[in-house]
Protein backbone atom coordinates (compact mmCIF):
# COMPACT_ATOMS: atom_id res chain seq x y z
CA MET A 1 129.00 -2.88 99.29
CA SER A 2 126.44 -0.66 100.24
CA ARG A 3 126.19 2.84 98.69
CA VAL A 4 126.99 5.95 100.92
CA GLY A 5 126.54 8.96 99.80
CA TYR A 6 128.87 11.86 99.85
CA LEU A 7 126.96 14.42 101.90
CA ASP A 8 125.24 11.55 104.57
CA LEU A 9 129.40 10.70 105.37
CA LEU A 10 130.22 14.15 106.32
CA ARG A 11 126.77 14.47 108.48
CA ARG A 12 126.92 11.59 110.00
CA ASN A 13 131.17 11.00 110.93
CA GLY A 14 131.96 14.17 112.85
CA ALA A 15 135.37 12.91 113.35
CA TYR A 16 136.30 12.81 109.69
CA ARG A 17 134.44 15.85 108.18
CA ARG A 18 136.97 17.86 110.66
CA LEU A 19 140.17 15.78 108.83
CA TRP A 20 138.46 16.69 105.45
CA ALA A 21 137.61 20.41 106.84
CA GLY A 22 141.64 20.46 107.28
CA GLU A 23 141.77 19.36 103.95
CA VAL A 24 139.43 22.50 102.41
CA VAL A 25 141.23 25.20 104.29
CA SER A 26 144.94 23.78 104.04
CA TYR A 27 144.61 23.13 99.60
CA THR A 28 142.86 26.21 99.37
CA GLY A 29 146.10 27.69 100.33
CA ASP A 30 148.71 25.60 98.72
CA TRP A 31 147.72 26.90 95.51
CA PHE A 32 147.57 29.96 96.70
CA SER A 33 151.55 29.38 97.48
CA THR A 34 151.55 27.83 94.31
CA ILE A 35 150.81 30.52 91.89
CA ALA A 36 153.14 33.66 93.53
CA LEU A 37 155.88 30.84 93.97
CA LEU A 38 156.22 30.65 90.07
CA ALA A 39 155.68 34.20 90.09
CA ILE A 40 158.63 34.96 92.31
CA VAL A 41 160.36 32.49 89.75
CA HIS A 42 158.49 34.77 86.41
CA GLU A 43 160.19 37.59 88.36
CA VAL A 44 163.72 36.54 88.42
CA THR A 45 164.10 34.62 85.21
CA ASP A 46 162.34 33.01 82.57
CA SER A 47 164.54 29.87 82.65
CA ALA A 48 162.18 25.95 82.22
CA LEU A 49 164.43 24.39 84.28
CA ALA A 50 164.19 27.62 87.83
CA VAL A 51 159.78 26.19 86.98
CA SER A 52 161.69 22.89 87.04
CA GLY A 53 162.96 23.48 90.23
CA VAL A 54 159.88 24.30 92.03
CA MET A 55 158.73 21.38 91.08
CA ILE A 56 161.18 19.32 92.35
CA ALA A 57 161.50 21.15 95.52
CA ARG A 58 157.98 21.13 96.24
CA THR A 59 157.63 16.99 94.92
CA LEU A 60 161.86 15.24 96.02
CA PRO A 61 160.91 15.61 99.45
CA VAL A 62 158.40 13.55 100.08
CA PHE A 63 160.78 10.76 99.03
CA LEU A 64 163.53 12.09 101.13
CA VAL A 65 161.71 12.10 104.16
CA SER A 66 159.63 9.09 104.11
CA PRO A 67 162.21 6.88 105.28
CA VAL A 68 161.70 8.54 108.81
CA ALA A 69 158.25 9.83 108.15
CA GLY A 70 156.60 6.46 107.22
CA PRO A 71 157.60 4.69 110.67
CA LEU A 72 156.93 7.91 112.91
CA ALA A 73 153.22 7.24 111.07
CA ASP A 74 153.19 4.43 112.78
CA ARG A 75 154.42 4.83 115.78
CA LEU A 76 153.08 7.89 117.56
CA ASP A 77 150.13 9.56 117.92
CA ARG A 78 148.85 11.34 114.08
CA ARG A 79 147.11 13.73 115.29
CA GLY A 80 150.40 15.24 117.14
CA LEU A 81 151.75 14.65 114.12
CA MET A 82 149.82 16.47 111.67
CA ILE A 83 148.79 19.93 114.20
CA GLY A 84 152.83 20.00 114.67
CA ALA A 85 153.54 19.00 111.25
CA ASP A 86 151.43 22.24 109.96
CA VAL A 87 152.04 24.88 112.44
CA ALA A 88 155.95 24.46 111.43
CA ARG A 89 154.57 24.82 107.40
CA ALA A 90 153.04 28.29 108.74
CA ALA A 91 156.41 29.81 110.73
CA CYS A 92 157.81 28.87 107.13
CA VAL A 93 156.23 31.39 105.52
CA VAL A 94 158.57 33.74 106.92
CA GLY A 95 161.50 32.71 105.16
CA LEU A 96 159.79 32.48 101.02
CA ILE A 97 158.42 36.14 101.92
CA ALA A 98 162.07 36.70 102.08
CA ALA A 99 162.87 35.08 99.14
CA HIS A 100 160.48 36.91 97.55
CA HIS A 101 162.74 40.59 98.55
CA THR A 102 165.81 39.21 98.65
CA HIS A 103 164.78 37.56 95.05
CA SER A 104 166.87 34.89 96.40
CA LEU A 105 165.75 31.87 94.76
CA LEU A 106 168.29 29.66 97.09
CA LEU A 107 166.60 30.86 99.80
CA LEU A 108 162.67 29.79 97.94
CA TYR A 109 163.74 26.34 97.07
CA ALA A 110 165.39 25.84 100.79
CA THR A 111 162.50 26.99 102.06
CA THR A 112 159.89 24.99 100.12
CA THR A 113 162.33 22.30 101.14
CA VAL A 114 161.51 22.31 103.86
CA MET A 115 158.33 23.20 103.77
CA ILE A 116 156.96 19.65 101.43
CA GLY A 117 159.81 17.77 104.07
CA LEU A 118 157.17 18.44 106.48
CA ALA A 119 154.05 17.45 104.49
CA GLY A 120 155.90 14.25 103.98
CA VAL A 121 154.88 13.29 107.58
CA PHE A 122 151.76 14.65 107.45
CA ILE A 123 150.46 13.32 103.97
CA PRO A 124 151.16 9.09 105.44
CA ALA A 125 149.28 10.53 109.11
CA ARG A 126 146.21 11.53 107.35
CA GLY A 127 146.32 8.63 104.64
CA ALA A 128 146.93 6.24 107.57
CA SER A 129 144.54 8.13 110.51
CA ILE A 130 141.09 7.49 107.02
CA GLN A 131 141.13 3.94 107.87
CA GLN A 132 140.76 4.56 111.78
CA LEU A 133 137.96 7.92 111.11
CA THR A 134 135.88 5.32 109.19
CA SER A 135 133.60 2.13 108.15
CA PRO A 136 134.65 -0.17 105.33
CA GLU A 137 131.24 1.19 104.41
CA GLU A 138 131.96 4.91 104.20
CA LEU A 139 135.85 3.95 102.69
CA PRO A 140 135.52 4.50 99.01
CA VAL A 141 133.49 7.83 99.66
CA ALA A 142 135.51 9.10 101.99
CA MET A 143 138.48 7.96 99.34
CA ALA A 144 136.76 10.46 96.87
CA LEU A 145 135.81 13.15 98.74
CA SER A 146 139.37 13.73 99.40
CA GLY A 147 140.65 13.19 95.78
CA GLY A 148 137.58 15.01 94.52
CA THR A 149 139.05 17.95 97.67
CA TRP A 150 142.55 18.46 96.15
CA SER A 151 141.02 18.89 92.88
CA VAL A 152 137.70 21.32 93.64
CA MET A 153 140.80 23.48 95.28
CA LEU A 154 143.15 23.30 93.04
CA ALA A 155 140.28 24.60 90.42
CA ILE A 156 139.22 27.45 93.52
CA GLY A 157 142.46 28.11 95.15
CA ALA A 158 144.17 28.09 91.59
CA ALA A 159 141.87 30.37 90.08
CA LEU A 160 141.77 32.31 94.37
CA GLY A 161 146.04 32.08 94.03
CA GLY A 162 145.96 34.42 90.03
CA LEU A 163 143.48 37.03 91.40
CA ALA A 164 145.19 37.30 94.73
CA THR A 165 148.62 37.85 93.52
CA ALA A 166 147.21 39.97 91.31
CA VAL A 167 145.66 41.92 93.23
CA VAL A 168 147.14 41.67 96.70
CA GLY A 169 150.46 40.78 95.41
CA ILE A 170 153.39 37.36 96.11
CA ASP A 171 153.41 38.56 100.06
CA GLY A 172 149.60 38.45 100.65
CA SER A 173 149.26 34.81 98.68
CA LEU A 174 152.22 33.93 100.78
CA LEU A 175 149.92 35.32 103.85
CA ILE A 176 147.56 33.78 102.83
CA ASP A 177 148.97 30.13 102.94
CA ALA A 178 150.01 30.96 106.56
CA ALA A 179 147.10 31.27 108.20
CA THR A 180 145.25 28.09 106.45
CA PHE A 181 148.44 26.18 107.62
CA LEU A 182 147.29 27.93 111.10
CA VAL A 183 143.17 27.14 110.69
CA SER A 184 143.38 23.43 109.44
CA ALA A 185 145.59 22.94 113.09
CA ALA A 186 142.91 24.11 114.39
CA LEU A 187 140.64 22.10 113.00
CA LEU A 188 142.43 18.78 113.63
CA GLN A 189 142.47 19.96 117.29
CA GLY A 190 139.16 18.78 117.28
CA LEU A 191 139.66 15.23 116.59
CA PRO A 192 140.08 12.39 118.88
CA ALA A 193 143.47 10.62 119.48
CA LEU A 194 145.17 8.86 116.51
CA PRO A 195 146.98 6.09 117.86
CA ALA A 196 149.59 3.68 115.92
CA GLU A 197 147.60 0.87 115.10
CA GLY A 198 150.43 -1.69 116.14
CA GLY A 199 149.89 -2.29 118.98
CA ALA A 200 153.15 -3.31 121.12
CA HIS A 201 155.59 -3.97 117.98
CA ALA A 202 154.86 0.24 117.18
CA GLN A 203 157.71 1.67 118.70
CA GLY A 204 159.41 -0.64 116.92
CA ALA A 205 158.34 -0.21 113.44
CA ARG A 206 160.88 -0.21 110.88
CA PHE A 207 160.76 1.12 107.28
CA VAL A 208 162.84 -1.90 106.72
CA ASP A 209 159.80 -3.71 108.11
CA GLY A 210 157.68 -2.01 105.54
CA LEU A 211 159.96 -2.50 102.72
CA HIS A 212 158.98 -6.76 103.55
CA TYR A 213 156.21 -6.81 103.50
CA LEU A 214 155.74 -5.13 100.12
CA ARG A 215 158.20 -7.79 99.46
CA ARG A 216 155.83 -10.53 100.55
CA THR A 217 152.52 -8.70 99.27
CA PRO A 218 152.77 -8.56 95.19
CA HIS A 219 149.54 -6.82 95.14
CA VAL A 220 150.26 -4.17 97.69
CA ALA A 221 153.37 -3.37 96.17
CA TRP A 222 151.73 -2.99 92.49
CA LEU A 223 149.24 -0.50 94.79
CA THR A 224 151.72 1.43 96.34
CA ILE A 225 154.14 2.67 92.86
CA GLY A 226 150.15 3.01 91.14
CA LYS A 227 150.25 7.08 91.55
CA ALA A 228 153.94 7.29 90.36
CA VAL A 229 153.65 5.55 87.08
CA MET A 230 150.95 7.82 86.51
CA GLN A 231 152.98 10.39 87.70
CA ILE A 232 154.52 9.94 83.88
CA SER A 233 152.99 12.85 83.31
CA ALA A 234 154.25 15.36 85.43
CA ALA A 235 155.78 16.91 82.46
CA GLY A 236 152.32 18.83 82.02
CA LEU A 237 153.10 20.34 84.71
CA VAL A 238 156.15 21.99 84.17
CA MET A 239 154.86 23.19 81.23
CA LEU A 240 151.25 24.52 82.59
CA PRO A 241 153.22 27.70 83.70
CA LEU A 242 155.13 29.00 80.09
CA TYR A 243 151.71 27.60 78.32
CA GLY A 244 150.40 30.44 81.21
CA GLN A 245 153.10 33.03 80.00
CA ASP A 246 154.78 33.02 77.60
CA VAL A 247 153.16 30.66 74.78
CA PHE A 248 150.01 32.12 73.28
CA PRO A 249 149.56 36.21 73.15
CA THR A 250 147.42 36.04 76.88
CA ALA A 251 150.06 35.93 80.03
CA GLY A 252 150.80 36.44 83.05
CA ALA A 253 149.62 34.55 86.47
CA LEU A 254 145.87 34.66 86.15
CA TRP A 255 146.64 32.66 82.84
CA VAL A 256 148.39 30.82 84.87
CA GLY A 257 145.84 29.96 87.58
CA VAL A 258 143.32 29.96 84.86
CA LEU A 259 145.32 26.65 83.24
CA TYR A 260 145.10 25.16 86.38
CA ALA A 261 141.52 25.83 87.48
CA PHE A 262 140.86 24.19 84.06
CA ARG A 263 142.76 20.74 85.53
CA GLY A 264 141.07 20.75 89.37
CA VAL A 265 138.01 21.00 87.61
CA GLY A 266 139.01 17.78 85.71
CA ALA A 267 140.47 15.85 88.34
CA ALA A 268 137.37 17.26 90.88
CA ILE A 269 134.85 15.52 87.45
CA GLY A 270 138.02 12.71 87.51
CA ALA A 271 137.89 11.87 91.22
CA LEU A 272 134.11 11.78 92.22
CA GLY A 273 132.80 11.02 88.84
CA GLY A 274 134.88 7.91 88.69
CA ARG A 275 133.47 6.68 91.62
CA ALA A 276 130.15 6.55 90.00
CA VAL A 277 130.95 5.03 86.78
CA VAL A 278 133.01 2.74 87.92
CA GLY A 279 131.52 1.68 91.96
CA ASP A 280 133.09 0.73 95.16
CA HIS A 281 134.11 -2.61 94.02
CA PRO A 282 137.57 -3.36 94.02
CA ALA A 283 138.13 -5.71 90.83
CA GLN A 284 135.40 -2.27 89.02
CA MET A 285 138.20 0.35 90.52
CA ARG A 286 141.07 -1.96 88.80
CA ARG A 287 139.93 -2.14 85.39
CA GLY A 288 138.94 1.48 85.62
CA MET A 289 142.86 2.29 85.64
CA LEU A 290 142.72 1.81 81.64
CA PRO A 291 140.61 4.20 79.79
CA ALA A 292 142.14 6.70 82.73
CA PHE A 293 145.62 6.31 81.45
CA LEU A 294 144.05 6.67 77.79
CA LEU A 295 142.35 9.46 78.87
CA ILE A 296 146.19 11.32 79.83
CA GLY A 297 146.94 10.35 77.36
CA VAL A 298 144.61 11.92 74.08
CA GLY A 299 144.24 15.28 77.11
CA GLN A 300 147.78 15.89 76.72
CA ALA A 301 147.45 15.21 73.04
CA VAL A 302 145.15 17.77 73.16
CA THR A 303 146.91 20.47 74.82
CA ALA A 304 150.36 20.15 72.37
CA LEU A 305 147.16 21.28 69.59
CA ALA A 306 145.91 24.00 71.69
CA GLY A 307 146.31 27.43 69.29
CA ASN A 308 144.84 28.72 72.25
CA VAL A 309 145.02 28.55 75.89
CA TRP A 310 141.21 28.17 75.86
CA VAL A 311 142.16 24.76 73.91
CA ALA A 312 145.12 24.13 76.25
CA GLY A 313 142.50 24.15 79.28
CA VAL A 314 140.41 21.78 77.70
CA GLY A 315 143.32 19.07 77.56
CA TYR A 316 144.87 20.24 80.91
CA LEU A 317 140.95 19.20 82.41
CA VAL A 318 140.82 15.72 79.61
CA ALA A 319 143.97 14.58 81.83
CA ALA A 320 143.18 15.75 84.93
CA ILE A 321 139.55 13.59 84.63
CA GLY A 322 142.22 10.23 84.41
CA SER A 323 144.51 11.40 86.50
CA ALA A 324 141.81 11.67 89.85
CA ALA A 325 140.31 8.87 88.35
CA ILE A 326 143.89 6.56 88.79
CA TRP A 327 144.34 8.52 92.24
CA VAL A 328 141.27 7.67 93.78
CA PHE A 329 140.89 3.48 92.63
CA ALA A 330 144.69 3.39 93.84
CA GLY A 331 144.18 5.29 97.07
CA THR A 332 140.97 3.42 97.89
CA LEU A 333 143.10 -0.07 96.56
CA LEU A 334 145.94 0.47 98.69
CA GLN A 335 143.60 0.77 101.42
CA PHE A 336 141.54 -2.09 101.66
CA ALA A 337 144.91 -4.38 100.69
CA THR A 338 147.06 -2.90 103.42
CA ALA A 339 147.47 -4.32 106.79
CA ALA A 340 147.16 -2.27 109.29
CA PRO A 341 150.79 -1.63 111.52
CA PHE A 342 151.63 -0.66 108.09
CA ARG A 343 149.95 1.59 106.25
CA GLY A 344 151.93 5.09 108.45
CA ARG A 345 155.27 3.22 105.72
CA VAL A 346 152.72 2.13 102.78
CA PHE A 347 151.65 5.40 102.59
CA SER A 348 154.94 6.90 102.62
CA LEU A 349 156.29 5.43 100.19
CA GLN A 350 153.29 6.01 98.26
CA PHE A 351 153.55 9.51 98.49
CA GLY A 352 157.36 9.29 98.02
CA VAL A 353 158.32 7.25 94.75
CA LEU A 354 155.22 9.38 93.59
CA THR A 355 157.12 13.26 93.90
CA LEU A 356 160.65 11.14 93.27
CA VAL A 357 159.04 10.35 89.63
CA ILE A 358 157.59 14.13 89.66
CA SER A 359 160.83 15.75 90.48
CA ALA A 360 162.77 13.54 87.88
CA ILE A 361 160.34 14.25 85.21
CA SER A 362 160.51 17.91 86.50
CA ALA A 363 163.51 17.61 85.91
CA VAL A 364 163.72 16.47 82.42
CA ALA A 365 161.10 18.12 80.71
CA GLY A 366 163.34 21.31 81.97
CA GLY A 367 166.00 20.67 80.71
CA LEU A 368 165.31 19.71 77.42
CA VAL A 369 163.61 22.57 77.09
CA ASP A 370 166.00 24.83 78.13
CA GLY A 371 168.60 22.98 76.75
CA LEU A 372 167.62 20.78 73.73
CA GLY A 373 165.48 23.53 73.16
CA TRP A 374 162.66 21.46 72.94
CA THR A 375 159.04 23.23 72.76
CA PRO A 376 155.88 23.26 75.59
CA ASP A 377 154.20 20.69 72.12
CA THR A 378 157.03 18.32 71.84
CA VAL A 379 157.53 17.76 75.78
CA MET A 380 153.43 17.53 75.92
CA TRP A 381 153.25 15.04 73.24
CA ALA A 382 156.48 12.46 74.40
CA SER A 383 154.72 12.86 77.27
CA ALA A 384 151.25 11.15 76.34
CA LEU A 385 152.95 8.46 74.52
CA ALA A 386 155.04 7.51 77.63
CA ILE A 387 151.86 7.55 79.96
CA VAL A 388 150.08 5.14 77.12
CA VAL A 389 152.99 2.73 76.62
CA LEU A 390 154.08 2.37 80.37
CA GLY A 391 149.99 2.52 82.00
CA LEU A 392 148.73 -0.05 79.56
CA PRO A 393 151.41 -3.00 80.57
CA TYR A 394 151.07 -1.81 84.69
CA THR A 395 147.48 -2.52 84.32
CA ALA A 396 147.72 -5.51 83.19
CA ILE A 397 150.03 -6.49 85.92
CA VAL A 398 147.08 -4.63 88.70
CA LEU A 399 144.18 -6.95 87.19
CA ALA A 400 146.44 -9.32 87.50
CA THR A 401 147.95 -9.82 90.86
CA GLY A 402 145.12 -8.57 92.12
CA ARG A 403 142.61 -11.70 91.12
CA ALA A 404 144.82 -13.45 93.48
CA PHE A 405 143.95 -11.05 96.13
CA ASP A 406 139.95 -11.37 96.25
CA HIS A 407 140.55 -14.85 97.73
CA ALA A 408 142.43 -14.13 100.34
CA ALA A 409 142.08 -12.38 103.70
CA PRO A 410 141.29 -9.60 103.93
CA ALA A 411 143.44 -6.90 105.12
CA GLY A 412 142.76 -5.76 108.12
CA ASP A 413 142.50 -9.42 108.95
CA ALA A 414 145.84 -10.12 108.05
CA ALA A 415 148.75 -11.49 110.45
CA PRO A 416 151.14 -8.62 111.10
CA ALA A 417 153.98 -10.55 110.09
CA GLY A 418 157.47 -9.32 110.20
CA LEU A 419 156.57 -7.48 113.48
CA GLY A 420 157.12 -10.62 115.92
């Protein structure tokens, strides 16, 4: 497979360039709002469980809407779904501002839940559209660029979000977030129509058919949960605001943003550098997952040993290199392996399961700190051990099932079993 450069892709593929530009704008706003939400929680309470509540509200709804969102992405025009979700999320910012002024965590959680539920509609529609906008040679670089964009915008958006929250206030940061959704919607308006790929069967696409498809294709099923296995390390996200505001002498929204920026830089290195080191061949990407899981564990151990916010930041950076590499490898492999009529449902399940794991780990991590008195360092040590213990056998399974897949027909040529 020939290698395509990032600039080559953006220069010659105008449709993908619009999709990517929408990601840039939207991700920046996402991290503005993340810092603002954590600042609201910190104004009301110093509870780790309250921070976990934000993490759960920003993840679990994706899982809850997946039985609906996946079939929608396999039935309707994906451009329209993405634009509608962006506009609706912009409107939801009003609820977040109201939650801030009333100091209502309940309203904050409820509004965030609705916004992330809408993201659960947007995500599979975007994921399923990438192959419609790219050639097979462009797909690996498009996936790496998407992962790298999320990472770079995490770094820039989190740092700017911390600064903006400190300078223009929480309301200002939230209004910026609303504006980014509207800009993203305007960019996506210029895309061509992106109809579902199931042909005459598209209107009958059912969630249960997607489950049957995964049962018949174990390699695809294991790839679908790859990002979820990686999220065993999500306890580190719950601990990040505590490291930024409570553990070290430096404290405040600005330092939370600094730690997020470290994590974003590491994720950019993992997403873009992982492809450069490992390559675009599926077998190489599968083998690259093992060192990536080990990097996550090492990074979290470094954070647990840190004596100041800067060393903790290095730990978050190292862990994010591994996380982003797995994110890109698993996502690209899933794009290649999934039959076209099922992409919306498979990608919806992928994100739904990973957000369910994030929610569960977030609740456990917050409970360990508030309920059992664990320190953030202890939680990080436990998380580092868990990701290594689970990552090793998962990688072995992906390697074993993937070898059989290499000798099968390409996913794009597979018969749409279960639809006839």
